[in-house]
Amino acid sequence: MEEVSEGRYLYCIINSGAETSLGAIGIEDSRVYTVACKDISSVVHSCAAKPYDSKDEQKVKEWVLSHQYTIDASTEKFGTVIPLAFDTIVKGDDETVKEWLSENYAELKEKLEKVRDKAEFTVQIFWDQELIIPKVEETNEELKKLKEDMKKKSKGAAYMLRRKSEKLLKNALLAEAERYSRDFYEQIKEHVDDLRIEATKSARVPKKWQDKQMILNLSCLVHNDKVERLGKELEKINEMEGFSVRFTGPWAPFSFVGEIGERRR
């Protein structure tokens, strides 16, 4: 069987059957256009049927940025889209893309309806432990007692009590972080259509935030009509002493569409 050499690079799926060109806005200035099936289309460019692969990190970064730019341009032109992962390639021509769209039509329509008029936002909540610790020490009776006991003990005994106090404080801070996280989660939940809890330790944040500890990291799917209300709720949290909120977006809803159909390579 002859190996297929032609391919189509897929950026996203749109809720429109319009076949149109978006111009040379794709990866390496590729001409981007739509391939339609019924009332949905895929935004694509023509390429070789092989992955975009390079040891040049700068080149890969440029490809990824072009991928994101094309998705953003498609969102601006057609409304909320289903974004596809970088380097999603179908082996074949436009007819192959139409077949793929047809095979996965019901699933794609369902996902398009789920994200219609919605966008993804990132909500990250940080606390400043230097401001939180005094409050914990003031309200935790066991910690207060240990501090008083340390004043009455010998140097060696006081050292052991201090070690015990440090461990108790660490556990108390963990409990407080969990409590605040649960409360903030419930507050935010009221103003979004869907949300996902993301890892805090591996999250990338700008340098200005790295001196604070992240206690909650959420991906939120938010309808256009709810964004302002969510922003006001986050302002309340941001005004709390010792807490700060990083609110970014809107983004294409990558976190809420999952894997789609069969990915052909």
C-alpha atoms as a PDB file:
ATOM      1  CA  MET A   1       0.000   0.000   0.000  1.00  0.00           C
ATOM      2  CA  GLU A   2       1.396   3.383  -1.049  1.00  0.00           C
ATOM      3  CA  GLU A   3       2.284   5.704   1.848  1.00  0.00           C
ATOM      4  CA  VAL A   4       0.185   8.885   1.904  1.00  0.00           C
ATOM      5  CA  SER A   5       2.492  11.903   1.636  1.00  0.00           C
ATOM      6  CA  GLU A   6      -0.128  14.661   1.679  1.00  0.00           C
ATOM      7  CA  GLY A   7      -1.692  15.897   4.898  1.00  0.00           C
ATOM      8  CA  ARG A   8      -3.845  18.557   6.502  1.00  0.00           C
ATOM      9  CA  TYR A   9      -2.888  20.350   9.696  1.00  0.00           C
ATOM     10  CA  LEU A  10      -5.971  20.890  11.896  1.00  0.00           C
ATOM     11  CA  TYR A  11      -6.157  23.972  14.141  1.00  0.00           C
ATOM     12  CA  CYS A  12      -9.731  23.920  15.375  1.00  0.00           C
ATOM     13  CA  ILE A  13     -13.366  23.116  14.611  1.00  0.00           C
ATOM     14  CA  ILE A  14     -15.868  25.932  14.021  1.00  0.00           C
ATOM     15  CA  ASN A  15     -19.656  26.029  14.205  1.00  0.00           C
ATOM     16  CA  SER A  16     -20.051  27.171  10.606  1.00  0.00           C
ATOM     17  CA  GLY A  17     -20.300  25.493   7.219  1.00  0.00           C
ATOM     18  CA  ALA A  18     -18.677  28.421   5.452  1.00  0.00           C
ATOM     19  CA  GLU A  19     -15.736  27.548   3.219  1.00  0.00           C
ATOM     20  CA  THR A  20     -13.373  30.495   3.288  1.00  0.00           C
ATOM     21  CA  SER A  21      -9.719  31.511   3.424  1.00  0.00           C
ATOM     22  CA  LEU A  22      -8.196  33.163   6.490  1.00  0.00           C
ATOM     23  CA  GLY A  23      -5.011  34.076   4.645  1.00  0.00           C
ATOM     24  CA  ALA A  24      -1.354  33.192   5.254  1.00  0.00           C
ATOM     25  CA  ILE A  25      -1.605  33.247   9.054  1.00  0.00           C
ATOM     26  CA  GLY A  26      -0.654  29.654   9.863  1.00  0.00           C
ATOM     27  CA  ILE A  27       2.553  27.908  10.856  1.00  0.00           C
ATOM     28  CA  GLU A  28       5.423  29.178   8.694  1.00  0.00           C
ATOM     29  CA  ASP A  29       2.927  31.536   6.982  1.00  0.00           C
ATOM     30  CA  SER A  30       0.879  28.651   5.599  1.00  0.00           C
ATOM     31  CA  ARG A  31      -2.409  29.570   3.913  1.00  0.00           C
ATOM     32  CA  VAL A  32      -5.203  28.734   6.325  1.00  0.00           C
ATOM     33  CA  TYR A  33      -8.708  27.866   5.120  1.00  0.00           C
ATOM     34  CA  THR A  34     -11.814  25.972   6.176  1.00  0.00           C
ATOM     35  CA  VAL A  35     -13.021  22.542   5.089  1.00  0.00           C
ATOM     36  CA  ALA A  36     -16.762  22.104   5.676  1.00  0.00           C
ATOM     37  CA  CYS A  37     -19.061  19.203   6.444  1.00  0.00           C
ATOM     38  CA  LYS A  38     -22.736  20.137   6.875  1.00  0.00           C
ATOM     39  CA  ASP A  39     -22.796  23.093   9.279  1.00  0.00           C
ATOM     40  CA  ILE A  40     -19.340  22.659  10.838  1.00  0.00           C
ATOM     41  CA  SER A  41     -15.830  23.110   9.482  1.00  0.00           C
ATOM     42  CA  SER A  42     -12.220  22.456  10.326  1.00  0.00           C
ATOM     43  CA  VAL A  43      -9.644  25.231  10.058  1.00  0.00           C
ATOM     44  CA  VAL A  44      -6.631  23.720   8.273  1.00  0.00           C
ATOM     45  CA  HIS A  45      -3.566  24.225   6.172  1.00  0.00           C
ATOM     46  CA  SER A  46      -2.021  21.859   3.636  1.00  0.00           C
ATOM     47  CA  CYS A  47       1.143  20.108   4.798  1.00  0.00           C
ATOM     48  CA  ALA A  48       3.223  16.967   4.539  1.00  0.00           C
ATOM     49  CA  ALA A  49       1.756  13.947   6.338  1.00  0.00           C
ATOM     50  CA  LYS A  50       4.367  14.016   9.082  1.00  0.00           C
ATOM     51  CA  PRO A  51       4.725  15.758  12.449  1.00  0.00           C
ATOM     52  CA  TYR A  52       6.276  19.173  12.897  1.00  0.00           C
ATOM     53  CA  ASP A  53       9.464  18.181  14.641  1.00  0.00           C
ATOM     54  CA  SER A  54      12.666  20.109  15.304  1.00  0.00           C
ATOM     55  CA  LYS A  55      15.545  20.189  17.791  1.00  0.00           C
ATOM     56  CA  ASP A  56      15.477  23.975  17.492  1.00  0.00           C
ATOM     57  CA  GLU A  57      13.464  25.058  20.559  1.00  0.00           C
ATOM     58  CA  GLN A  58      12.933  28.559  19.198  1.00  0.00           C
ATOM     59  CA  LYS A  59      11.452  27.191  15.980  1.00  0.00           C
ATOM     60  CA  VAL A  60       9.085  24.910  17.932  1.00  0.00           C
ATOM     61  CA  LYS A  61       8.055  27.868  20.100  1.00  0.00           C
ATOM     62  CA  GLU A  62       7.266  29.891  16.960  1.00  0.00           C
ATOM     63  CA  TRP A  63       5.177  27.009  15.593  1.00  0.00           C
ATOM     64  CA  VAL A  64       3.185  26.770  18.828  1.00  0.00           C
ATOM     65  CA  LEU A  65       2.599  30.533  18.895  1.00  0.00           C
ATOM     66  CA  SER A  66       1.410  30.443  15.268  1.00  0.00           C
ATOM     67  CA  HIS A  67      -0.910  27.557  16.161  1.00  0.00           C
ATOM     68  CA  GLN A  68      -2.404  29.590  19.014  1.00  0.00           C
ATOM     69  CA  TYR A  69      -2.624  32.740  16.908  1.00  0.00           C
ATOM     70  CA  THR A  70      -4.628  30.926  14.234  1.00  0.00           C
ATOM     71  CA  ILE A  71      -7.035  29.558  16.846  1.00  0.00           C
ATOM     72  CA  ASP A  72      -7.466  33.078  18.270  1.00  0.00           C
ATOM     73  CA  ALA A  73      -8.076  34.500  14.790  1.00  0.00           C
ATOM     74  CA  SER A  74     -10.649  31.776  14.123  1.00  0.00           C
ATOM     75  CA  THR A  75     -12.388  32.535  17.428  1.00  0.00           C
ATOM     76  CA  GLU A  76     -12.556  36.215  16.553  1.00  0.00           C
ATOM     77  CA  LYS A  77     -14.042  35.458  13.129  1.00  0.00           C
ATOM     78  CA  PHE A  78     -16.391  32.556  13.900  1.00  0.00           C
ATOM     79  CA  GLY A  79     -17.068  32.621  17.651  1.00  0.00           C
ATOM     80  CA  THR A  80     -16.084  29.972  20.186  1.00  0.00           C
ATOM     81  CA  VAL A  81     -14.211  27.067  18.597  1.00  0.00           C
ATOM     82  CA  ILE A  82     -13.067  23.593  19.576  1.00  0.00           C
ATOM     83  CA  PRO A  83      -9.280  24.021  19.719  1.00  0.00           C
ATOM     84  CA  LEU A  84      -7.115  21.079  18.701  1.00  0.00           C
ATOM     85  CA  ALA A  85      -3.700  20.278  20.117  1.00  0.00           C
ATOM     86  CA  PHE A  86      -0.540  21.467  18.394  1.00  0.00           C
ATOM     87  CA  ASP A  87       0.555  19.097  15.605  1.00  0.00           C
ATOM     88  CA  THR A  88      -2.819  17.457  14.949  1.00  0.00           C
ATOM     89  CA  ILE A  89      -2.437  16.180  11.380  1.00  0.00           C
ATOM     90  CA  VAL A  90      -4.773  14.141   9.186  1.00  0.00           C
ATOM     91  CA  LYS A  91      -3.136  12.035   6.479  1.00  0.00           C
ATOM     92  CA  GLY A  92      -4.840  12.837   3.176  1.00  0.00           C
ATOM     93  CA  ASP A  93      -6.514  15.765   1.427  1.00  0.00           C
ATOM     94  CA  ASP A  94      -9.598  17.930   2.020  1.00  0.00           C
ATOM     95  CA  GLU A  95     -11.892  14.993   1.295  1.00  0.00           C
ATOM     96  CA  THR A  96     -10.185  13.051   4.091  1.00  0.00           C
ATOM     97  CA  VAL A  97     -10.873  15.931   6.469  1.00  0.00           C
ATOM     98  CA  LYS A  98     -14.529  15.961   5.395  1.00  0.00           C
ATOM     99  CA  GLU A  99     -14.733  12.230   6.094  1.00  0.00           C
ATOM    100  CA  TRP A 100     -13.211  12.776   9.550  1.00  0.00           C
ATOM    101  CA  LEU A 101     -15.687  15.556  10.279  1.00  0.00           C
ATOM    102  CA  SER A 102     -18.569  13.367   9.100  1.00  0.00           C
ATOM    103  CA  GLU A 103     -17.468  10.389  11.202  1.00  0.00           C
ATOM    104  CA  ASN A 104     -17.232  12.544  14.333  1.00  0.00           C
ATOM    105  CA  TYR A 105     -20.056  14.972  13.506  1.00  0.00           C
ATOM    106  CA  ALA A 106     -22.355  14.168  16.458  1.00  0.00           C
ATOM    107  CA  GLU A 107     -19.514  14.418  18.991  1.00  0.00           C
ATOM    108  CA  LEU A 108     -18.207  17.650  17.489  1.00  0.00           C
ATOM    109  CA  LYS A 109     -21.650  19.300  17.473  1.00  0.00           C
ATOM    110  CA  GLU A 110     -22.181  18.315  21.093  1.00  0.00           C
ATOM    111  CA  LYS A 111     -18.839  19.842  22.116  1.00  0.00           C
ATOM    112  CA  LEU A 112     -19.486  22.985  20.069  1.00  0.00           C
ATOM    113  CA  GLU A 113     -22.789  23.446  21.875  1.00  0.00           C
ATOM    114  CA  LYS A 114     -21.085  22.946  25.243  1.00  0.00           C
ATOM    115  CA  VAL A 115     -18.620  25.785  24.602  1.00  0.00           C
ATOM    116  CA  ARG A 116     -20.891  28.117  22.589  1.00  0.00           C
ATOM    117  CA  ASP A 117     -20.343  31.751  23.674  1.00  0.00           C
ATOM    118  CA  LYS A 118     -17.929  30.610  26.383  1.00  0.00           C
ATOM    119  CA  ALA A 119     -14.205  30.956  26.939  1.00  0.00           C
ATOM    120  CA  GLU A 120     -11.591  29.466  29.234  1.00  0.00           C
ATOM    121  CA  PHE A 121     -10.075  31.513  32.038  1.00  0.00           C
ATOM    122  CA  THR A 122      -7.336  30.649  34.518  1.00  0.00           C
ATOM    123  CA  VAL A 123      -7.850  31.560  38.169  1.00  0.00           C
ATOM    124  CA  GLN A 124      -4.879  31.221  40.503  1.00  0.00           C
ATOM    125  CA  ILE A 125      -5.088  32.222  44.163  1.00  0.00           C
ATOM    126  CA  PHE A 126      -1.969  32.890  46.221  1.00  0.00           C
ATOM    127  CA  TRP A 127      -1.377  33.631  49.867  1.00  0.00           C
ATOM    128  CA  ASP A 128       1.475  35.354  51.648  1.00  0.00           C
ATOM    129  CA  GLN A 129       2.506  33.024  54.473  1.00  0.00           C
ATOM    130  CA  GLU A 130       4.299  35.830  56.315  1.00  0.00           C
ATOM    131  CA  LEU A 131       0.924  37.522  56.761  1.00  0.00           C
ATOM    132  CA  ILE A 132      -1.042  34.322  57.375  1.00  0.00           C
ATOM    133  CA  ILE A 133       1.238  32.768  60.032  1.00  0.00           C
ATOM    134  CA  PRO A 134       0.530  35.380  62.752  1.00  0.00           C
ATOM    135  CA  LYS A 135      -3.221  34.843  62.298  1.00  0.00           C
ATOM    136  CA  VAL A 136      -2.821  31.076  62.614  1.00  0.00           C
ATOM    137  CA  GLU A 137      -0.615  31.410  65.691  1.00  0.00           C
ATOM    138  CA  GLU A 138      -3.128  33.762  67.271  1.00  0.00           C
ATOM    139  CA  THR A 139      -6.155  31.514  66.733  1.00  0.00           C
ATOM    140  CA  ASN A 140      -4.607  28.060  67.295  1.00  0.00           C
ATOM    141  CA  GLU A 141      -4.892  27.282  71.021  1.00  0.00           C
ATOM    142  CA  GLU A 142      -2.360  24.436  70.938  1.00  0.00           C
ATOM    143  CA  LEU A 143       0.269  26.656  69.321  1.00  0.00           C
ATOM    144  CA  LYS A 144      -0.382  29.416  71.838  1.00  0.00           C
ATOM    145  CA  LYS A 145       0.079  26.970  74.730  1.00  0.00           C
ATOM    146  CA  LEU A 146       3.344  25.625  73.304  1.00  0.00           C
ATOM    147  CA  LYS A 147       4.710  29.164  73.002  1.00  0.00           C
ATOM    148  CA  GLU A 148       3.903  29.850  76.621  1.00  0.00           C
ATOM    149  CA  ASP A 149       5.444  26.531  77.717  1.00  0.00           C
ATOM    150  CA  MET A 150       8.684  27.314  75.858  1.00  0.00           C
ATOM    151  CA  LYS A 151       9.220  30.404  77.999  1.00  0.00           C
ATOM    152  CA  LYS A 152       9.210  28.273  81.171  1.00  0.00           C
ATOM    153  CA  LYS A 153      11.441  25.413  79.982  1.00  0.00           C
ATOM    154  CA  SER A 154      15.178  24.888  79.928  1.00  0.00           C
ATOM    155  CA  LYS A 155      17.081  25.522  76.705  1.00  0.00           C
ATOM    156  CA  GLY A 156      17.049  21.805  75.698  1.00  0.00           C
ATOM    157  CA  ALA A 157      13.379  21.296  76.531  1.00  0.00           C
ATOM    158  CA  ALA A 158      12.449  24.546  74.793  1.00  0.00           C
ATOM    159  CA  TYR A 159      14.249  23.341  71.654  1.00  0.00           C
ATOM    160  CA  MET A 160      12.134  20.166  71.569  1.00  0.00           C
ATOM    161  CA  LEU A 161       8.964  22.178  72.080  1.00  0.00           C
ATOM    162  CA  ARG A 162      10.012  24.552  69.285  1.00  0.00           C
ATOM    163  CA  ARG A 163      10.440  21.621  66.900  1.00  0.00           C
ATOM    164  CA  LYS A 164       7.002  20.381  67.921  1.00  0.00           C
ATOM    165  CA  SER A 165       5.613  23.880  67.412  1.00  0.00           C
ATOM    166  CA  GLU A 166       7.111  24.120  63.905  1.00  0.00           C
ATOM    167  CA  LYS A 167       5.506  20.825  62.893  1.00  0.00           C
ATOM    168  CA  LEU A 168       2.179  21.868  64.381  1.00  0.00           C
ATOM    169  CA  LEU A 169       2.329  25.203  62.550  1.00  0.00           C
ATOM    170  CA  LYS A 170       3.081  23.467  59.254  1.00  0.00           C
ATOM    171  CA  ASN A 171       0.065  21.173  59.668  1.00  0.00           C
ATOM    172  CA  ALA A 172      -2.109  24.093  60.751  1.00  0.00           C
ATOM    173  CA  LEU A 173      -1.103  26.037  57.624  1.00  0.00           C
ATOM    174  CA  LEU A 174      -1.926  23.052  55.407  1.00  0.00           C
ATOM    175  CA  ALA A 175      -5.348  22.788  57.034  1.00  0.00           C
ATOM    176  CA  GLU A 176      -5.949  26.526  56.584  1.00  0.00           C
ATOM    177  CA  ALA A 177      -4.900  26.385  52.923  1.00  0.00           C
ATOM    178  CA  GLU A 178      -7.324  23.509  52.322  1.00  0.00           C
ATOM    179  CA  ARG A 179     -10.129  25.353  54.104  1.00  0.00           C
ATOM    180  CA  TYR A 180      -9.617  28.559  52.151  1.00  0.00           C
ATOM    181  CA  SER A 181      -9.282  26.602  48.899  1.00  0.00           C
ATOM    182  CA  ARG A 182     -12.615  24.859  49.486  1.00  0.00           C
ATOM    183  CA  ASP A 183     -14.314  28.157  50.314  1.00  0.00           C
ATOM    184  CA  PHE A 184     -12.862  29.941  47.275  1.00  0.00           C
ATOM    185  CA  TYR A 185     -13.773  26.996  45.033  1.00  0.00           C
ATOM    186  CA  GLU A 186     -17.415  27.224  46.133  1.00  0.00           C
ATOM    187  CA  GLN A 187     -17.461  31.001  45.639  1.00  0.00           C
ATOM    188  CA  ILE A 188     -16.048  30.719  42.120  1.00  0.00           C
ATOM    189  CA  LYS A 189     -18.220  27.737  41.182  1.00  0.00           C
ATOM    190  CA  GLU A 190     -21.322  29.937  41.411  1.00  0.00           C
ATOM    191  CA  HIS A 191     -20.098  32.119  38.531  1.00  0.00           C
ATOM    192  CA  VAL A 192     -18.774  29.599  35.975  1.00  0.00           C
ATOM    193  CA  ASP A 193     -20.282  26.941  33.721  1.00  0.00           C
ATOM    194  CA  ASP A 194     -17.609  24.338  34.408  1.00  0.00           C
ATOM    195  CA  LEU A 195     -14.273  24.219  36.194  1.00  0.00           C
ATOM    196  CA  ARG A 196     -11.290  21.971  36.739  1.00  0.00           C
ATOM    197  CA  ILE A 197      -8.816  21.895  39.592  1.00  0.00           C
ATOM    198  CA  GLU A 198      -5.268  21.993  38.232  1.00  0.00           C
ATOM    199  CA  ALA A 199      -1.958  21.210  39.941  1.00  0.00           C
ATOM    200  CA  THR A 200      -0.432  24.063  41.923  1.00  0.00           C
ATOM    201  CA  LYS A 201       3.164  22.871  42.318  1.00  0.00           C
ATOM    202  CA  SER A 202       3.850  22.436  38.590  1.00  0.00           C
ATOM    203  CA  ALA A 203       1.961  25.548  37.455  1.00  0.00           C
ATOM    204  CA  ARG A 204       3.989  28.144  35.604  1.00  0.00           C
ATOM    205  CA  VAL A 205       3.585  31.709  36.816  1.00  0.00           C
ATOM    206  CA  PRO A 206       5.355  34.994  36.022  1.00  0.00           C
ATOM    207  CA  LYS A 207       8.325  35.928  38.181  1.00  0.00           C
ATOM    208  CA  LYS A 208       6.358  38.583  40.116  1.00  0.00           C
ATOM    209  CA  TRP A 209       4.164  35.836  41.603  1.00  0.00           C
ATOM    210  CA  GLN A 210       6.900  33.375  42.517  1.00  0.00           C
ATOM    211  CA  ASP A 211       7.478  34.746  46.021  1.00  0.00           C
ATOM    212  CA  LYS A 212       3.923  33.745  46.995  1.00  0.00           C
ATOM    213  CA  GLN A 213       2.451  30.290  47.541  1.00  0.00           C
ATOM    214  CA  MET A 214      -0.337  29.176  45.217  1.00  0.00           C
ATOM    215  CA  ILE A 215      -3.167  27.466  47.095  1.00  0.00           C
ATOM    216  CA  LEU A 216      -5.693  27.098  44.265  1.00  0.00           C
ATOM    217  CA  ASN A 217      -5.335  26.744  40.502  1.00  0.00           C
ATOM    218  CA  LEU A 218      -8.495  26.501  38.394  1.00  0.00           C
ATOM    219  CA  SER A 219      -9.378  26.293  34.727  1.00  0.00           C
ATOM    220  CA  CYS A 220     -12.833  27.822  34.319  1.00  0.00           C
ATOM    221  CA  LEU A 221     -15.292  27.675  31.435  1.00  0.00           C
ATOM    222  CA  VAL A 222     -17.247  30.916  31.577  1.00  0.00           C
ATOM    223  CA  HIS A 223     -20.143  32.214  29.491  1.00  0.00           C
ATOM    224  CA  ASN A 224     -19.614  35.714  28.093  1.00  0.00           C
ATOM    225  CA  ASP A 225     -22.473  37.011  30.270  1.00  0.00           C
ATOM    226  CA  LYS A 226     -20.826  35.777  33.490  1.00  0.00           C
ATOM    227  CA  VAL A 227     -17.280  37.097  33.081  1.00  0.00           C
ATOM    228  CA  GLU A 228     -17.946  40.438  34.777  1.00  0.00           C
ATOM    229  CA  ARG A 229     -19.638  38.799  37.764  1.00  0.00           C
ATOM    230  CA  LEU A 230     -16.758  36.355  38.136  1.00  0.00           C
ATOM    231  CA  GLY A 231     -14.310  39.256  38.010  1.00  0.00           C
ATOM    232  CA  LYS A 232     -16.141  41.038  40.849  1.00  0.00           C
ATOM    233  CA  GLU A 233     -16.128  37.871  42.980  1.00  0.00           C
ATOM    234  CA  LEU A 234     -12.385  37.520  42.452  1.00  0.00           C
ATOM    235  CA  GLU A 235     -11.877  41.163  43.406  1.00  0.00           C
ATOM    236  CA  LYS A 236     -13.391  40.381  46.822  1.00  0.00           C
ATOM    237  CA  ILE A 237     -10.836  37.603  47.339  1.00  0.00           C
ATOM    238  CA  ASN A 238      -8.014  39.789  46.072  1.00  0.00           C
ATOM    239  CA  GLU A 239      -8.913  42.446  48.662  1.00  0.00           C
ATOM    240  CA  MET A 240      -8.562  39.980  51.563  1.00  0.00           C
ATOM    241  CA  GLU A 241      -5.401  40.595  53.572  1.00  0.00           C
ATOM    242  CA  GLY A 242      -2.681  38.104  52.652  1.00  0.00           C
ATOM    243  CA  PHE A 243      -4.360  36.906  49.440  1.00  0.00           C
ATOM    244  CA  SER A 244      -3.920  37.786  45.778  1.00  0.00           C
ATOM    245  CA  VAL A 245      -5.619  36.572  42.604  1.00  0.00           C
ATOM    246  CA  ARG A 246      -4.196  36.039  39.125  1.00  0.00           C
ATOM    247  CA  PHE A 247      -7.026  36.010  36.560  1.00  0.00           C
ATOM    248  CA  THR A 248      -6.058  35.390  32.913  1.00  0.00           C
ATOM    249  CA  GLY A 249      -7.966  34.821  29.688  1.00  0.00           C
ATOM    250  CA  PRO A 250     -10.052  34.569  27.646  1.00  0.00           C
ATOM    251  CA  TRP A 251      -8.527  31.497  26.012  1.00  0.00           C
ATOM    252  CA  ALA A 252      -9.897  28.881  23.651  1.00  0.00           C
ATOM    253  CA  PRO A 253     -11.479  26.152  25.849  1.00  0.00           C
ATOM    254  CA  PHE A 254      -8.704  23.535  25.603  1.00  0.00           C
ATOM    255  CA  SER A 255      -9.431  22.109  29.065  1.00  0.00           C
ATOM    256  CA  PHE A 256     -13.092  21.394  28.345  1.00  0.00           C
ATOM    257  CA  VAL A 257     -13.250  19.624  24.983  1.00  0.00           C
ATOM    258  CA  GLY A 258     -11.108  16.529  25.625  1.00  0.00           C
ATOM    259  CA  GLU A 259      -9.900  14.143  22.923  1.00  0.00           C
ATOM    260  CA  ILE A 260     -11.946  14.108  19.730  1.00  0.00           C
ATOM    261  CA  GLY A 261     -12.468  11.076  17.522  1.00  0.00           C
ATOM    262  CA  GLU A 262      -9.554   9.249  15.947  1.00  0.00           C
ATOM    263  CA  ARG A 263      -6.344  11.195  15.488  1.00  0.00           C
ATOM    264  CA  ARG A 264      -4.796  10.093  12.208  1.00  0.00           C
ATOM    265  CA  ARG A 265      -1.086  10.357  11.618  1.00  0.00           C
END
